[in-house]
C-alpha atoms as a PDB file:
ATOM      1  CA  SER A   1     -17.062  -1.390  31.232  1.00  0.00           C
ATOM      2  CA  ILE A   2     -15.185   2.128  31.775  1.00  0.00           C
ATOM      3  CA  TRP A   3     -18.463   3.628  31.871  1.00  0.00           C
ATOM      4  CA  ALA A   4     -21.299   3.516  34.117  1.00  0.00           C
ATOM      5  CA  GLN A   5     -25.062   4.007  32.255  1.00  0.00           C
ATOM      6  CA  GLU A   6     -25.154   7.571  33.815  1.00  0.00           C
ATOM      7  CA  THR A   7     -21.740   8.537  33.242  1.00  0.00           C
ATOM      8  CA  PRO A   8     -21.271  11.467  31.359  1.00  0.00           C
ATOM      9  CA  VAL A   9     -19.585  11.458  28.394  1.00  0.00           C
ATOM     10  CA  ASP A  10     -18.536  14.039  25.864  1.00  0.00           C
ATOM     11  CA  VAL A  11     -20.116  13.595  22.204  1.00  0.00           C
ATOM     12  CA  THR A  12     -16.673  15.239  20.529  1.00  0.00           C
ATOM     13  CA  ASN A  13     -13.623  16.191  21.846  1.00  0.00           C
ATOM     14  CA  GLY A  14     -10.701  17.839  20.526  1.00  0.00           C
ATOM     15  CA  ILE A  15      -9.315  14.945  19.532  1.00  0.00           C
ATOM     16  CA  ASP A  16     -12.216  14.483  16.893  1.00  0.00           C
ATOM     17  CA  ALA A  17     -11.608  17.568  15.604  1.00  0.00           C
ATOM     18  CA  ARG A  18      -7.927  16.965  14.870  1.00  0.00           C
ATOM     19  CA  LEU A  19      -8.500  14.057  13.386  1.00  0.00           C
ATOM     20  CA  ILE A  20     -11.280  15.506  11.359  1.00  0.00           C
ATOM     21  CA  GLU A  21      -8.595  18.025  10.220  1.00  0.00           C
ATOM     22  CA  ALA A  22      -5.944  15.506   9.258  1.00  0.00           C
ATOM     23  CA  GLU A  23      -8.376  13.803   7.012  1.00  0.00           C
ATOM     24  CA  ALA A  24      -9.244  17.441   5.301  1.00  0.00           C
ATOM     25  CA  ALA A  25      -5.650  18.331   5.442  1.00  0.00           C
ATOM     26  CA  PHE A  26      -4.757  14.117   3.158  1.00  0.00           C
ATOM     27  CA  GLN A  27      -7.595  14.811   1.369  1.00  0.00           C
ATOM     28  CA  SER A  28      -6.797  18.344   0.275  1.00  0.00           C
ATOM     29  CA  GLY A  29      -3.158  16.666  -1.043  1.00  0.00           C
ATOM     30  CA  ASN A  30      -1.271  17.724   2.362  1.00  0.00           C
ATOM     31  CA  TYR A  31      -0.024  14.909   3.972  1.00  0.00           C
ATOM     32  CA  GLY A  32       3.715  15.579   4.644  1.00  0.00           C
ATOM     33  CA  THR A  33       3.759  19.428   5.767  1.00  0.00           C
ATOM     34  CA  ALA A  34       5.843  19.850   8.831  1.00  0.00           C
ATOM     35  CA  THR A  35       3.374  21.725  11.139  1.00  0.00           C
ATOM     36  CA  THR A  36      -0.417  21.241   9.051  1.00  0.00           C
ATOM     37  CA  GLY A  37      -0.371  18.264   7.434  1.00  0.00           C
ATOM     38  CA  THR A  38      -1.969  14.615   7.948  1.00  0.00           C
ATOM     39  CA  LEU A  39       1.116  12.973   9.529  1.00  0.00           C
ATOM     40  CA  ALA A  40       2.659  15.720  11.839  1.00  0.00           C
ATOM     41  CA  ILE A  41      -0.921  16.327  13.315  1.00  0.00           C
ATOM     42  CA  LEU A  42      -1.366  12.416  14.204  1.00  0.00           C
ATOM     43  CA  ASN A  43       1.735  12.564  15.027  1.00  0.00           C
ATOM     44  CA  ALA A  44       0.932  15.553  17.314  1.00  0.00           C
ATOM     45  CA  LEU A  45      -2.071  13.688  18.723  1.00  0.00           C
ATOM     46  CA  ARG A  46       0.543  10.488  19.710  1.00  0.00           C
ATOM     47  CA  GLY A  47       3.381  12.844  21.422  1.00  0.00           C
ATOM     48  CA  SER A  48       1.151  13.253  24.334  1.00  0.00           C
ATOM     49  CA  ALA A  49      -0.857  11.796  26.789  1.00  0.00           C
ATOM     50  CA  GLN A  50      -5.067  11.922  25.490  1.00  0.00           C
ATOM     51  CA  THR A  51      -7.775  12.309  27.783  1.00  0.00           C
ATOM     52  CA  ILE A  52     -10.973  11.080  26.875  1.00  0.00           C
ATOM     53  CA  GLY A  53     -13.618  11.463  30.237  1.00  0.00           C
ATOM     54  CA  THR A  54     -11.258   9.114  32.793  1.00  0.00           C
ATOM     55  CA  VAL A  55      -9.435   7.451  29.908  1.00  0.00           C
ATOM     56  CA  THR A  56      -6.125   8.793  28.999  1.00  0.00           C
ATOM     57  CA  THR A  57      -3.861   7.026  26.344  1.00  0.00           C
ATOM     58  CA  PRO A  58       0.334   6.400  26.397  1.00  0.00           C
ATOM     59  CA  VAL A  59       2.243   8.667  24.469  1.00  0.00           C
ATOM     60  CA  MET A  60       3.281   6.546  21.561  1.00  0.00           C
ATOM     61  CA  ALA A  61       5.957   6.255  18.849  1.00  0.00           C
ATOM     62  CA  ALA A  62       5.815   8.414  15.326  1.00  0.00           C
ATOM     63  CA  LEU A  63       4.172   7.130  12.673  1.00  0.00           C
ATOM     64  CA  ALA A  64       6.149   7.318   9.587  1.00  0.00           C
ATOM     65  CA  ASP A  65       5.285   8.339   6.049  1.00  0.00           C
ATOM     66  CA  PRO A  66       4.006   4.759   4.586  1.00  0.00           C
ATOM     67  CA  GLY A  67       4.707   6.236   0.691  1.00  0.00           C
ATOM     68  CA  THR A  68       1.810   5.277  -0.897  1.00  0.00           C
ATOM     69  CA  ASP A  69      -2.045   7.174  -1.252  1.00  0.00           C
ATOM     70  CA  SER A  70      -4.068   3.697  -0.678  1.00  0.00           C
ATOM     71  CA  ALA A  71      -1.531   2.803   2.694  1.00  0.00           C
ATOM     72  CA  ARG A  72      -2.315   6.178   4.220  1.00  0.00           C
ATOM     73  CA  VAL A  73      -5.381   6.020   4.132  1.00  0.00           C
ATOM     74  CA  SER A  74      -4.665   2.631   6.081  1.00  0.00           C
ATOM     75  CA  GLN A  75      -3.163   4.857   8.726  1.00  0.00           C
ATOM     76  CA  LEU A  76      -5.384   7.341   9.294  1.00  0.00           C
ATOM     77  CA  PHE A  77      -8.313   5.290   9.229  1.00  0.00           C
ATOM     78  CA  ARG A  78      -6.946   1.828  11.555  1.00  0.00           C
END
């Protein structure tokens, strides 16, 4: 286990906020805008290491637009 029973853990964090922004952008039809679209938000998160507590993610490759709304939903929520 990465946390003990009494390890303090954030309930929400900046990563969660950015994912909510990405979903809101998608819902408003803003998937591909260069700086504020869903794809840009997801790629900004993937493009730098993210830390939650003591766990840090690696930098990941950028995502590409899968082309259809159903594939975009799958990409956002996988």
